[in-house]
PDB file of N, CA and C in Angstrom:
ATOM      1  N   MET A   1     109.792  81.527  69.351  1.00  0.00           N
ATOM      2  CA  MET A   1     109.741  80.574  70.442  1.00  0.00           C
ATOM      3  C   MET A   1     108.301  80.456  70.937  1.00  0.00           C
ATOM      4  N   LEU A   2     107.936  79.258  71.322  1.00  0.00           N
ATOM      5  CA  LEU A   2     106.605  79.041  71.888  1.00  0.00           C
ATOM      6  C   LEU A   2     106.592  79.429  73.357  1.00  0.00           C
ATOM      7  N   TYR A   3     105.523  80.130  73.723  1.00  0.00           N
ATOM      8  CA  TYR A   3     105.308  80.513  75.118  1.00  0.00           C
ATOM      9  C   TYR A   3     103.896  80.107  75.520  1.00  0.00           C
ATOM     10  N   ALA A   4     103.766  79.661  76.749  1.00  0.00           N
ATOM     11  CA  ALA A   4     102.452  79.478  77.357  1.00  0.00           C
ATOM     12  C   ALA A   4     102.199  80.723  78.198  1.00  0.00           C
ATOM     13  N   VAL A   5     101.056  81.335  77.983  1.00  0.00           N
ATOM     14  CA  VAL A   5     100.650  82.478  78.795  1.00  0.00           C
ATOM     15  C   VAL A   5      99.519  81.969  79.682  1.00  0.00           C
ATOM     16  N   LEU A   6      99.829  81.788  80.957  1.00  0.00           N
ATOM     17  CA  LEU A   6      98.882  81.234  81.923  1.00  0.00           C
ATOM     18  C   LEU A   6      98.167  82.385  82.618  1.00  0.00           C
ATOM     19  N   CYS A   7      96.846  82.346  82.605  1.00  0.00           N
ATOM     20  CA  CYS A   7      96.025  83.452  83.102  1.00  0.00           C
ATOM     21  C   CYS A   7      95.429  83.093  84.462  1.00  0.00           C
ATOM     22  N   TYR A   8      95.774  83.897  85.458  1.00  0.00           N
ATOM     23  CA  TYR A   8      95.302  83.675  86.822  1.00  0.00           C
ATOM     24  C   TYR A   8      94.420  84.833  87.256  1.00  0.00           C
ATOM     25  N   ASN A   9      93.375  84.507  87.999  1.00  0.00           N
ATOM     26  CA  ASN A   9      92.508  85.519  88.575  1.00  0.00           C
ATOM     27  C   ASN A   9      91.751  84.873  89.730  1.00  0.00           C
ATOM     28  N   ASP A  10      91.058  85.685  90.468  1.00  0.00           N
ATOM     29  CA  ASP A  10      90.226  85.198  91.566  1.00  0.00           C
ATOM     30  C   ASP A  10      88.899  84.752  90.969  1.00  0.00           C
ATOM     31  N   GLU A  11      88.676  83.447  90.909  1.00  0.00           N
ATOM     32  CA  GLU A  11      87.458  82.966  90.258  1.00  0.00           C
ATOM     33  C   GLU A  11      86.197  83.361  91.013  1.00  0.00           C
ATOM     34  N   ALA A  12      86.308  83.705  92.287  1.00  0.00           N
ATOM     35  CA  ALA A  12      85.134  84.218  93.007  1.00  0.00           C
ATOM     36  C   ALA A  12      84.692  85.544  92.398  1.00  0.00           C
ATOM     37  N   VAL A  13      85.652  86.325  91.935  1.00  0.00           N
ATOM     38  CA  VAL A  13      85.342  87.607  91.294  1.00  0.00           C
ATOM     39  C   VAL A  13      84.796  87.371  89.891  1.00  0.00           C
ATOM     40  N   THR A  14      85.502  86.582  89.087  1.00  0.00           N
ATOM     41  CA  THR A  14      85.085  86.394  87.699  1.00  0.00           C
ATOM     42  C   THR A  14      83.765  85.629  87.592  1.00  0.00           C
ATOM     43  N   SER A  15      83.502  84.710  88.499  1.00  0.00           N
ATOM     44  CA  SER A  15      82.231  83.975  88.442  1.00  0.00           C
ATOM     45  C   SER A  15      81.060  84.831  88.908  1.00  0.00           C
ATOM     46  N   ALA A  16      81.347  85.947  89.562  1.00  0.00           N
ATOM     47  CA  ALA A  16      80.283  86.857  89.997  1.00  0.00           C
ATOM     48  C   ALA A  16      79.898  87.852  88.902  1.00  0.00           C
ATOM     49  N   TRP A  17      80.651  87.872  87.801  1.00  0.00           N
ATOM     50  CA  TRP A  17      80.300  88.771  86.710  1.00  0.00           C
ATOM     51  C   TRP A  17      78.935  88.394  86.151  1.00  0.00           C
ATOM     52  N   SER A  18      78.180  89.393  85.742  1.00  0.00           N
ATOM     53  CA  SER A  18      76.928  89.132  85.039  1.00  0.00           C
ATOM     54  C   SER A  18      77.260  88.587  83.649  1.00  0.00           C
ATOM     55  N   LYS A  19      76.262  88.049  82.980  1.00  0.00           N
ATOM     56  CA  LYS A  19      76.475  87.535  81.625  1.00  0.00           C
ATOM     57  C   LYS A  19      76.987  88.650  80.717  1.00  0.00           C
ATOM     58  N   GLN A  20      76.438  89.843  80.884  1.00  0.00           N
ATOM     59  CA  GLN A  20      76.850  90.977  80.062  1.00  0.00           C
ATOM     60  C   GLN A  20      78.310  91.365  80.347  1.00  0.00           C
ATOM     61  N   GLU A  21      78.700  91.365  81.615  1.00  0.00           N
ATOM     62  CA  GLU A  21      80.088  91.688  81.968  1.00  0.00           C
ATOM     63  C   GLU A  21      81.041  90.645  81.385  1.00  0.00           C
ATOM     64  N   ASP A  22      80.670  89.378  81.510  1.00  0.00           N
ATOM     65  CA  ASP A  22      81.503  88.302  80.979  1.00  0.00           C
ATOM     66  C   ASP A  22      81.641  88.423  79.463  1.00  0.00           C
ATOM     67  N   GLU A  23      80.543  88.683  78.776  1.00  0.00           N
ATOM     68  CA  GLU A  23      80.583  88.829  77.321  1.00  0.00           C
ATOM     69  C   GLU A  23      81.432  90.027  76.910  1.00  0.00           C
ATOM     70  N   MET A  24      81.373  91.114  77.695  1.00  0.00           N
ATOM     71  CA  MET A  24      82.176  92.293  77.407  1.00  0.00           C
ATOM     72  C   MET A  24      83.667  91.958  77.513  1.00  0.00           C
ATOM     73  N   VAL A  25      84.043  91.297  78.605  1.00  0.00           N
ATOM     74  CA  VAL A  25      85.449  90.932  78.802  1.00  0.00           C
ATOM     75  C   VAL A  25      85.899  89.969  77.705  1.00  0.00           C
ATOM     76  N   MET A  26      85.095  88.962  77.420  1.00  0.00           N
ATOM     77  CA  MET A  26      85.473  87.991  76.389  1.00  0.00           C
ATOM     78  C   MET A  26      85.594  88.663  75.022  1.00  0.00           C
ATOM     79  N   GLY A  27      84.731  89.623  74.737  1.00  0.00           N
ATOM     80  CA  GLY A  27      84.823  90.363  73.478  1.00  0.00           C
ATOM     81  C   GLY A  27      86.127  91.135  73.368  1.00  0.00           C
ATOM     82  N   ARG A  28      86.530  91.766  74.459  1.00  0.00           N
ATOM     83  CA  ARG A  28      87.791  92.509  74.466  1.00  0.00           C
ATOM     84  C   ARG A  28      88.984  91.560  74.311  1.00  0.00           C
ATOM     85  N   LEU A  29      88.917  90.410  74.974  1.00  0.00           N
ATOM     86  CA  LEU A  29      89.989  89.421  74.834  1.00  0.00           C
ATOM     87  C   LEU A  29      90.046  88.861  73.410  1.00  0.00           C
ATOM     88  N   MET A  30      88.876  88.676  72.798  1.00  0.00           N
ATOM     89  CA  MET A  30      88.825  88.164  71.419  1.00  0.00           C
ATOM     90  C   MET A  30      89.522  89.121  70.458  1.00  0.00           C
ATOM     91  N   LYS A  31      89.395  90.424  70.683  1.00  0.00           N
ATOM     92  CA  LYS A  31      90.074  91.397  69.814  1.00  0.00           C
ATOM     93  C   LYS A  31      91.588  91.235  69.904  1.00  0.00           C
ATOM     94  N   VAL A  32      92.088  91.007  71.108  1.00  0.00           N
ATOM     95  CA  VAL A  32      93.527  90.777  71.287  1.00  0.00           C
ATOM     96  C   VAL A  32      93.922  89.477  70.582  1.00  0.00           C
ATOM     97  N   GLN A  33      93.114  88.430  70.759  1.00  0.00           N
ATOM     98  CA  GLN A  33      93.401  87.139  70.125  1.00  0.00           C
ATOM     99  C   GLN A  33      93.408  87.259  68.604  1.00  0.00           C
ATOM    100  N   GLU A  34      92.416  87.971  68.059  1.00  0.00           N
ATOM    101  CA  GLU A  34      92.309  88.101  66.605  1.00  0.00           C
ATOM    102  C   GLU A  34      93.528  88.811  66.027  1.00  0.00           C
ATOM    103  N   LYS A  35      94.018  89.824  66.723  1.00  0.00           N
ATOM    104  CA  LYS A  35      95.211  90.553  66.266  1.00  0.00           C
ATOM    105  C   LYS A  35      96.412  89.611  66.164  1.00  0.00           C
ATOM    106  N   VAL A  36      96.624  88.802  67.190  1.00  0.00           N
ATOM    107  CA  VAL A  36      97.759  87.874  67.202  1.00  0.00           C
ATOM    108  C   VAL A  36      97.533  86.738  66.195  1.00  0.00           C
ATOM    109  N   ALA A  37      96.288  86.307  66.026  1.00  0.00           N
ATOM    110  CA  ALA A  37      95.977  85.260  65.051  1.00  0.00           C
ATOM    111  C   ALA A  37      96.280  85.743  63.635  1.00  0.00           C
ATOM    112  N   ARG A  38      95.959  87.002  63.322  1.00  0.00           N
ATOM    113  CA  ARG A  38      96.255  87.551  61.994  1.00  0.00           C
ATOM    114  C   ARG A  38      97.759  87.556  61.718  1.00  0.00           C
ATOM    115  N   GLN A  39      98.557  87.649  62.761  1.00  0.00           N
ATOM    116  CA  GLN A  39     100.014  87.620  62.621  1.00  0.00           C
ATOM    117  C   GLN A  39     100.547  86.185  62.521  1.00  0.00           C
ATOM    118  N   GLY A  40      99.652  85.200  62.656  1.00  0.00           N
ATOM    119  CA  GLY A  40     100.062  83.798  62.600  1.00  0.00           C
ATOM    120  C   GLY A  40     100.802  83.339  63.844  1.00  0.00           C
ATOM    121  N   ARG A  41     100.558  84.006  64.975  1.00  0.00           N
ATOM    122  CA  ARG A  41     101.296  83.714  66.204  1.00  0.00           C
ATOM    123  C   ARG A  41     100.440  83.071  67.299  1.00  0.00           C
ATOM    124  N   LEU A  42      99.155  82.867  67.038  1.00  0.00           N
ATOM    125  CA  LEU A  42      98.259  82.337  68.072  1.00  0.00           C
ATOM    126  C   LEU A  42      98.055  80.842  67.888  1.00  0.00           C
ATOM    127  N   GLY A  43      98.294  80.102  68.943  1.00  0.00           N
ATOM    128  CA  GLY A  43      98.041  78.667  68.959  1.00  0.00           C
ATOM    129  C   GLY A  43      96.779  78.383  69.761  1.00  0.00           C
ATOM    130  N   PRO A  44      96.728  77.246  70.431  1.00  0.00           N
ATOM    131  CA  PRO A  44      95.557  76.891  71.226  1.00  0.00           C
ATOM    132  C   PRO A  44      95.264  77.912  72.326  1.00  0.00           C
ATOM    133  N   VAL A  45      93.980  78.107  72.565  1.00  0.00           N
ATOM    134  CA  VAL A  45      93.487  78.995  73.620  1.00  0.00           C
ATOM    135  C   VAL A  45      92.458  78.200  74.406  1.00  0.00           C
ATOM    136  N   ALA A  46      92.495  78.294  75.726  1.00  0.00           N
ATOM    137  CA  ALA A  46      91.524  77.561  76.544  1.00  0.00           C
ATOM    138  C   ALA A  46      91.043  78.426  77.696  1.00  0.00           C
ATOM    139  N   ARG A  47      89.743  78.400  77.921  1.00  0.00           N
ATOM    140  CA  ARG A  47      89.146  78.983  79.112  1.00  0.00           C
ATOM    141  C   ARG A  47      88.691  77.804  79.968  1.00  0.00           C
ATOM    142  N   LEU A  48      89.215  77.713  81.157  1.00  0.00           N
ATOM    143  CA  LEU A  48      88.902  76.582  82.029  1.00  0.00           C
ATOM    144  C   LEU A  48      87.631  76.853  82.831  1.00  0.00           C
ATOM    145  N   VAL A  49      86.889  75.795  83.115  1.00  0.00           N
ATOM    146  CA  VAL A  49      85.719  75.934  83.980  1.00  0.00           C
ATOM    147  C   VAL A  49      86.211  76.091  85.417  1.00  0.00           C
ATOM    148  N   PRO A  50      85.350  76.538  86.334  1.00  0.00           N
ATOM    149  CA  PRO A  50      85.799  76.779  87.720  1.00  0.00           C
ATOM    150  C   PRO A  50      86.436  75.551  88.372  1.00  0.00           C
ATOM    151  N   THR A  51      87.281  75.822  89.340  1.00  0.00           N
ATOM    152  CA  THR A  51      88.005  74.753  90.032  1.00  0.00           C
ATOM    153  C   THR A  51      87.080  73.814  90.789  1.00  0.00           C
ATOM    154  N   THR A  52      85.846  74.227  91.029  1.00  0.00           N
ATOM    155  CA  THR A  52      84.893  73.333  91.695  1.00  0.00           C
ATOM    156  C   THR A  52      84.598  72.104  90.836  1.00  0.00           C
ATOM    157  N   ALA A  53      84.880  72.190  89.536  1.00  0.00           N
ATOM    158  CA  ALA A  53      84.677  71.051  88.638  1.00  0.00           C
ATOM    159  C   ALA A  53      85.952  70.233  88.455  1.00  0.00           C
ATOM    160  N   ALA A  54      87.030  70.645  89.089  1.00  0.00           N
ATOM    161  CA  ALA A  54      88.326  69.985  88.897  1.00  0.00           C
ATOM    162  C   ALA A  54      88.458  68.728  89.748  1.00  0.00           C
ATOM    163  N   THR A  55      89.265  67.834  89.262  1.00  0.00           N
ATOM    164  CA  THR A  55      89.668  66.636  89.989  1.00  0.00           C
ATOM    165  C   THR A  55      91.190  66.568  89.923  1.00  0.00           C
ATOM    166  N   THR A  56      91.805  66.179  91.008  1.00  0.00           N
ATOM    167  CA  THR A  56      93.264  66.101  91.073  1.00  0.00           C
ATOM    168  C   THR A  56      93.696  64.663  91.314  1.00  0.00           C
ATOM    169  N   LEU A  57      94.680  64.228  90.568  1.00  0.00           N
ATOM    170  CA  LEU A  57      95.321  62.938  90.815  1.00  0.00           C
ATOM    171  C   LEU A  57      96.622  63.259  91.535  1.00  0.00           C
ATOM    172  N   ARG A  58      96.684  62.922  92.805  1.00  0.00           N
ATOM    173  CA  ARG A  58      97.859  63.237  93.622  1.00  0.00           C
ATOM    174  C   ARG A  58      98.728  61.999  93.753  1.00  0.00           C
ATOM    175  N   LYS A  59      99.966  62.150  93.346  1.00  0.00           N
ATOM    176  CA  LYS A  59     100.911  61.048  93.426  1.00  0.00           C
ATOM    177  C   LYS A  59     101.471  60.983  94.844  1.00  0.00           C
ATOM    178  N   THR A  60     101.411  59.795  95.399  1.00  0.00           N
ATOM    179  CA  THR A  60     101.971  59.549  96.728  1.00  0.00           C
ATOM    180  C   THR A  60     103.041  58.473  96.584  1.00  0.00           C
ATOM    181  N   ARG A  61     103.593  58.051  97.696  1.00  0.00           N
ATOM    182  CA  ARG A  61     104.592  56.966  97.630  1.00  0.00           C
ATOM    183  C   ARG A  61     103.948  55.651  97.196  1.00  0.00           C
ATOM    184  N   ASP A  62     102.674  55.523  97.484  1.00  0.00           N
ATOM    185  CA  ASP A  62     101.950  54.320  97.078  1.00  0.00           C
ATOM    186  C   ASP A  62     101.256  54.612  95.747  1.00  0.00           C
ATOM    187  N   GLU A  63     100.041  54.160  95.629  1.00  0.00           N
ATOM    188  CA  GLU A  63      99.257  54.406  94.426  1.00  0.00           C
ATOM    189  C   GLU A  63      98.763  55.854  94.407  1.00  0.00           C
ATOM    190  N   PRO A  64      98.667  56.455  93.210  1.00  0.00           N
ATOM    191  CA  PRO A  64      98.092  57.795  93.133  1.00  0.00           C
ATOM    192  C   PRO A  64      96.657  57.792  93.656  1.00  0.00           C
ATOM    193  N   ILE A  65      96.246  58.900  94.263  1.00  0.00           N
ATOM    194  CA  ILE A  65      94.878  59.016  94.762  1.00  0.00           C
ATOM    195  C   ILE A  65      94.180  60.151  94.028  1.00  0.00           C
ATOM    196  N   VAL A  66      92.879  60.003  93.863  1.00  0.00           N
ATOM    197  CA  VAL A  66      92.062  61.003  93.185  1.00  0.00           C
ATOM    198  C   VAL A  66      91.274  61.761  94.239  1.00  0.00           C
ATOM    199  N   ILE A  67      91.337  63.097  94.154  1.00  0.00           N
ATOM    200  CA  ILE A  67      90.580  63.934  95.082  1.00  0.00           C
ATOM    201  C   ILE A  67      89.827  64.995  94.297  1.00  0.00           C
ATOM    202  N   ASP A  68      88.744  65.493  94.869  1.00  0.00           N
ATOM    203  CA  ASP A  68      87.984  66.563  94.239  1.00  0.00           C
ATOM    204  C   ASP A  68      88.757  67.862  94.359  1.00  0.00           C
ATOM    205  N   GLY A  69      88.760  68.620  93.274  1.00  0.00           N
ATOM    206  CA  GLY A  69      89.321  69.965  93.290  1.00  0.00           C
ATOM    207  C   GLY A  69      90.821  70.020  93.435  1.00  0.00           C
ATOM    208  N   PRO A  70      91.363  71.197  93.119  1.00  0.00           N
ATOM    209  CA  PRO A  70      92.799  71.386  93.270  1.00  0.00           C
ATOM    210  C   PRO A  70      93.178  71.784  94.694  1.00  0.00           C
ATOM    211  N   PHE A  71      92.255  72.369  95.437  1.00  0.00           N
ATOM    212  CA  PHE A  71      92.488  72.817  96.816  1.00  0.00           C
ATOM    213  C   PHE A  71      93.760  73.629  96.954  1.00  0.00           C
ATOM    214  N   ALA A  72      94.001  74.481  95.999  1.00  0.00           N
ATOM    215  CA  ALA A  72      95.185  75.342  96.068  1.00  0.00           C
ATOM    216  C   ALA A  72      94.967  76.417  97.120  1.00  0.00           C
ATOM    217  N   GLU A  73      95.980  76.662  97.897  1.00  0.00           N
ATOM    218  CA  GLU A  73      95.918  77.689  98.936  1.00  0.00           C
ATOM    219  C   GLU A  73      96.355  79.029  98.355  1.00  0.00           C
ATOM    220  N   THR A  74      95.679  79.452  97.307  1.00  0.00           N
ATOM    221  CA  THR A  74      96.021  80.706  96.654  1.00  0.00           C
ATOM    222  C   THR A  74      94.778  81.552  96.486  1.00  0.00           C
ATOM    223  N   LYS A  75      94.987  82.836  96.303  1.00  0.00           N
ATOM    224  CA  LYS A  75      93.862  83.738  96.066  1.00  0.00           C
ATOM    225  C   LYS A  75      93.501  83.786  94.593  1.00  0.00           C
ATOM    226  N   GLU A  76      94.416  83.351  93.739  1.00  0.00           N
ATOM    227  CA  GLU A  76      94.168  83.338  92.306  1.00  0.00           C
ATOM    228  C   GLU A  76      94.222  81.903  91.793  1.00  0.00           C
ATOM    229  N   GLN A  77      93.360  81.619  90.839  1.00  0.00           N
ATOM    230  CA  GLN A  77      93.306  80.290  90.251  1.00  0.00           C
ATOM    231  C   GLN A  77      93.659  80.388  88.765  1.00  0.00           C
ATOM    232  N   LEU A  78      94.154  79.287  88.214  1.00  0.00           N
ATOM    233  CA  LEU A  78      94.420  79.215  86.779  1.00  0.00           C
ATOM    234  C   LEU A  78      93.075  79.146  86.071  1.00  0.00           C
ATOM    235  N   LEU A  79      92.764  80.177  85.278  1.00  0.00           N
ATOM    236  CA  LEU A  79      91.466  80.245  84.618  1.00  0.00           C
ATOM    237  C   LEU A  79      91.548  79.985  83.118  1.00  0.00           C
ATOM    238  N   GLY A  80      92.751  80.023  82.567  1.00  0.00           N
ATOM    239  CA  GLY A  80      92.885  79.777  81.140  1.00  0.00           C
ATOM    240  C   GLY A  80      94.327  79.912  80.706  1.00  0.00           C
ATOM    241  N   PHE A  81      94.549  79.641  79.412  1.00  0.00           N
ATOM    242  CA  PHE A  81      95.905  79.777  78.889  1.00  0.00           C
ATOM    243  C   PHE A  81      95.884  80.012  77.390  1.00  0.00           C
ATOM    244  N   TYR A  82      96.975  80.552  76.914  1.00  0.00           N
ATOM    245  CA  TYR A  82      97.219  80.785  75.496  1.00  0.00           C
ATOM    246  C   TYR A  82      98.562  80.156  75.145  1.00  0.00           C
ATOM    247  N   MET A  83      98.665  79.639  73.943  1.00  0.00           N
ATOM    248  CA  MET A  83      99.953  79.235  73.386  1.00  0.00           C
ATOM    249  C   MET A  83     100.234  80.227  72.270  1.00  0.00           C
ATOM    250  N   VAL A  84     101.381  80.886  72.347  1.00  0.00           N
ATOM    251  CA  VAL A  84     101.736  81.872  71.334  1.00  0.00           C
ATOM    252  C   VAL A  84     103.160  81.626  70.852  1.00  0.00           C
ATOM    253  N   ASP A  85     103.386  81.921  69.596  1.00  0.00           N
ATOM    254  CA  ASP A  85     104.713  81.808  68.999  1.00  0.00           C
ATOM    255  C   ASP A  85     105.243  83.224  68.835  1.00  0.00           C
ATOM    256  N   MET A  86     106.128  83.621  69.706  1.00  0.00           N
ATOM    257  CA  MET A  86     106.635  84.991  69.724  1.00  0.00           C
ATOM    258  C   MET A  86     108.146  84.999  69.497  1.00  0.00           C
ATOM    259  N   PRO A  87     108.650  86.070  68.887  1.00  0.00           N
ATOM    260  CA  PRO A  87     110.084  86.132  68.612  1.00  0.00           C
ATOM    261  C   PRO A  87     110.944  86.326  69.854  1.00  0.00           C
ATOM    262  N   SER A  88     110.322  86.782  70.947  1.00  0.00           N
ATOM    263  CA  SER A  88     111.109  87.049  72.157  1.00  0.00           C
ATOM    264  C   SER A  88     110.200  87.069  73.378  1.00  0.00           C
ATOM    265  N   LEU A  89     110.817  87.000  74.535  1.00  0.00           N
ATOM    266  CA  LEU A  89     110.072  87.138  75.782  1.00  0.00           C
ATOM    267  C   LEU A  89     109.397  88.501  75.846  1.00  0.00           C
ATOM    268  N   ASP A  90     110.069  89.537  75.374  1.00  0.00           N
ATOM    269  CA  ASP A  90     109.463  90.874  75.383  1.00  0.00           C
ATOM    270  C   ASP A  90     108.178  90.906  74.569  1.00  0.00           C
ATOM    271  N   ALA A  91     108.159  90.236  73.420  1.00  0.00           N
ATOM    272  CA  ALA A  91     106.949  90.182  72.600  1.00  0.00           C
ATOM    273  C   ALA A  91     105.846  89.412  73.319  1.00  0.00           C
ATOM    274  N   ALA A  92     106.200  88.333  73.991  1.00  0.00           N
ATOM    275  CA  ALA A  92     105.209  87.570  74.765  1.00  0.00           C
ATOM    276  C   ALA A  92     104.672  88.414  75.918  1.00  0.00           C
ATOM    277  N   LEU A  93     105.550  89.186  76.553  1.00  0.00           N
ATOM    278  CA  LEU A  93     105.109  90.089  77.624  1.00  0.00           C
ATOM    279  C   LEU A  93     104.173  91.163  77.084  1.00  0.00           C
ATOM    280  N   ASP A  94     104.451  91.677  75.889  1.00  0.00           N
ATOM    281  CA  ASP A  94     103.558  92.668  75.280  1.00  0.00           C
ATOM    282  C   ASP A  94     102.173  92.073  75.055  1.00  0.00           C
ATOM    283  N   PHE A  95     102.126  90.822  74.591  1.00  0.00           N
ATOM    284  CA  PHE A  95     100.844  90.141  74.408  1.00  0.00           C
ATOM    285  C   PHE A  95     100.110  90.024  75.742  1.00  0.00           C
ATOM    286  N   ALA A  96     100.824  89.617  76.779  1.00  0.00           N
ATOM    287  CA  ALA A  96     100.211  89.492  78.106  1.00  0.00           C
ATOM    288  C   ALA A  96      99.729  90.849  78.614  1.00  0.00           C
ATOM    289  N   ARG A  97     100.462  91.905  78.318  1.00  0.00           N
ATOM    290  CA  ARG A  97     100.022  93.255  78.715  1.00  0.00           C
ATOM    291  C   ARG A  97      98.710  93.623  78.031  1.00  0.00           C
ATOM    292  N   GLU A  98      98.570  93.247  76.760  1.00  0.00           N
ATOM    293  CA  GLU A  98      97.318  93.517  76.047  1.00  0.00           C
ATOM    294  C   GLU A  98      96.162  92.737  76.665  1.00  0.00           C
ATOM    295  N   LEU A  99      96.417  91.484  77.039  1.00  0.00           N
ATOM    296  CA  LEU A  99      95.380  90.702  77.720  1.00  0.00           C
ATOM    297  C   LEU A  99      94.996  91.370  79.034  1.00  0.00           C
ATOM    298  N   ALA A 100      95.992  91.807  79.796  1.00  0.00           N
ATOM    299  CA  ALA A 100      95.731  92.450  81.086  1.00  0.00           C
ATOM    300  C   ALA A 100      94.916  93.721  80.902  1.00  0.00           C
ATOM    301  N   ALA A 101      95.204  94.490  79.857  1.00  0.00           N
ATOM    302  CA  ALA A 101      94.464  95.727  79.607  1.00  0.00           C
ATOM    303  C   ALA A 101      93.014  95.438  79.227  1.00  0.00           C
ATOM    304  N   ALA A 102      92.762  94.294  78.594  1.00  0.00           N
ATOM    305  CA  ALA A 102      91.410  93.925  78.180  1.00  0.00           C
ATOM    306  C   ALA A 102      90.586  93.346  79.320  1.00  0.00           C
ATOM    307  N   ASN A 103      91.244  92.970  80.395  1.00  0.00           N
ATOM    308  CA  ASN A 103      90.592  92.280  81.504  1.00  0.00           C
ATOM    309  C   ASN A 103      90.535  93.209  82.719  1.00  0.00           C
ATOM    310  N   PRO A 104      89.337  93.562  83.178  1.00  0.00           N
ATOM    311  CA  PRO A 104      89.243  94.492  84.306  1.00  0.00           C
ATOM    312  C   PRO A 104      89.697  93.848  85.619  1.00  0.00           C
ATOM    313  N   GLY A 105      90.002  94.679  86.564  1.00  0.00           N
ATOM    314  CA  GLY A 105      90.348  94.174  87.890  1.00  0.00           C
ATOM    315  C   GLY A 105      91.787  93.725  87.978  1.00  0.00           C
ATOM    316  N   VAL A 106      92.019  92.816  88.906  1.00  0.00           N
ATOM    317  CA  VAL A 106      93.372  92.330  89.161  1.00  0.00           C
ATOM    318  C   VAL A 106      93.553  90.950  88.548  1.00  0.00           C
ATOM    319  N   GLY A 107      94.708  90.388  88.701  1.00  0.00           N
ATOM    320  CA  GLY A 107      95.022  89.073  88.164  1.00  0.00           C
ATOM    321  C   GLY A 107      96.479  89.054  87.777  1.00  0.00           C
ATOM    322  N   SER A 108      96.923  87.935  87.239  1.00  0.00           N
ATOM    323  CA  SER A 108      98.314  87.849  86.814  1.00  0.00           C
ATOM    324  C   SER A 108      98.422  86.937  85.602  1.00  0.00           C
ATOM    325  N   TYR A 109      99.500  87.134  84.869  1.00  0.00           N
ATOM    326  CA  TYR A 109      99.780  86.365  83.672  1.00  0.00           C
ATOM    327  C   TYR A 109     101.193  85.823  83.794  1.00  0.00           C
ATOM    328  N   GLU A 110     101.308  84.518  83.798  1.00  0.00           N
ATOM    329  CA  GLU A 110     102.618  83.870  83.861  1.00  0.00           C
ATOM    330  C   GLU A 110     103.031  83.509  82.442  1.00  0.00           C
ATOM    331  N   ILE A 111     104.182  83.985  82.029  1.00  0.00           N
ATOM    332  CA  ILE A 111     104.692  83.703  80.700  1.00  0.00           C
ATOM    333  C   ILE A 111     105.824  82.698  80.854  1.00  0.00           C
ATOM    334  N   ARG A 112     105.636  81.532  80.239  1.00  0.00           N
ATOM    335  CA  ARG A 112     106.618  80.466  80.423  1.00  0.00           C
ATOM    336  C   ARG A 112     106.998  79.873  79.062  1.00  0.00           C
ATOM    337  N   PRO A 113     108.291  79.803  78.749  1.00  0.00           N
ATOM    338  CA  PRO A 113     108.702  79.149  77.507  1.00  0.00           C
ATOM    339  C   PRO A 113     108.255  77.682  77.506  1.00  0.00           C
ATOM    340  N   VAL A 114     107.879  77.204  76.333  1.00  0.00           N
ATOM    341  CA  VAL A 114     107.411  75.824  76.185  1.00  0.00           C
ATOM    342  C   VAL A 114     108.579  74.969  75.705  1.00  0.00           C
ATOM    343  N   GLY A 115     108.871  73.924  76.447  1.00  0.00           N
ATOM    344  CA  GLY A 115     109.962  73.031  76.084  1.00  0.00           C
ATOM    345  C   GLY A 115     109.545  71.940  75.122  1.00  0.00           C
ATOM    346  N   TYR A 116     108.275  71.547  75.161  1.00  0.00           N
ATOM    347  CA  TYR A 116     107.772  70.486  74.290  1.00  0.00           C
ATOM    348  C   TYR A 116     106.299  70.744  74.056  1.00  0.00           C
ATOM    349  N   PHE A 117     105.865  70.618  72.804  1.00  0.00           N
ATOM    350  CA  PHE A 117     104.459  70.791  72.461  1.00  0.00           C
ATOM    351  C   PHE A 117     104.130  69.831  71.336  1.00  0.00           C
ATOM    352  N   ALA A 118     103.148  68.973  71.546  1.00  0.00           N
ATOM    353  CA  ALA A 118     102.692  68.043  70.515  1.00  0.00           C
ATOM    354  C   ALA A 118     101.291  68.452  70.091  1.00  0.00           C
ATOM    355  N   GLN A 119     101.155  68.809  68.849  1.00  0.00           N
ATOM    356  CA  GLN A 119      99.843  69.181  68.325  1.00  0.00           C
ATOM    357  C   GLN A 119      99.250  67.928  67.697  1.00  0.00           C
ATOM    358  N   ASN A 120      98.419  67.249  68.458  1.00  0.00           N
ATOM    359  CA  ASN A 120      97.935  65.935  68.051  1.00  0.00           C
ATOM    360  C   ASN A 120      96.570  65.936  67.388  1.00  0.00           C
ATOM    361  N   GLY A 121      95.994  67.095  67.153  1.00  0.00           N
ATOM    362  CA  GLY A 121      94.774  67.162  66.369  1.00  0.00           C
ATOM    363  C   GLY A 121      93.488  66.856  67.097  1.00  0.00           C
ATOM    364  N   ILE A 122      93.398  67.135  68.382  1.00  0.00           N
ATOM    365  CA  ILE A 122      92.128  66.964  69.089  1.00  0.00           C
ATOM    366  C   ILE A 122      91.190  68.077  68.654  1.00  0.00           C
ATOM    367  N   ASP A 123      90.005  67.723  68.204  1.00  0.00           N
ATOM    368  CA  ASP A 123      89.006  68.718  67.827  1.00  0.00           C
ATOM    369  C   ASP A 123      87.882  68.697  68.842  1.00  0.00           C
ATOM    370  N   THR A 124      87.500  69.880  69.322  1.00  0.00           N
ATOM    371  CA  THR A 124      86.368  69.961  70.252  1.00  0.00           C
ATOM    372  C   THR A 124      85.359  70.951  69.757  1.00  0.00           C
TER     373      THR A 124
END
């Protein structure tokens, strides 16, 4: 089954990392990714830029309006995601545990089954 693993953390903390700290964390995460990729279970992976670069289209009763940023009233922001093909929720949770172990500090990982996924071939 396909799962989206949504990675949340306090971007004020992660953006304060030095280049060396960031590279260390990304290197540890890459090892987890490579392991799952060798198993043929890793799909798209994305690291999002800070929410200060985000724009939100908010649907209202009238026309949708565009506003800067997500302005979420949360301490953690969505910083990235993984798409993984796992045999069970427990396997997806194990993957998320490995990500958590590779990432210092606090944060959370939301594991959500994917109901629809279209792989349309966007290359970046």
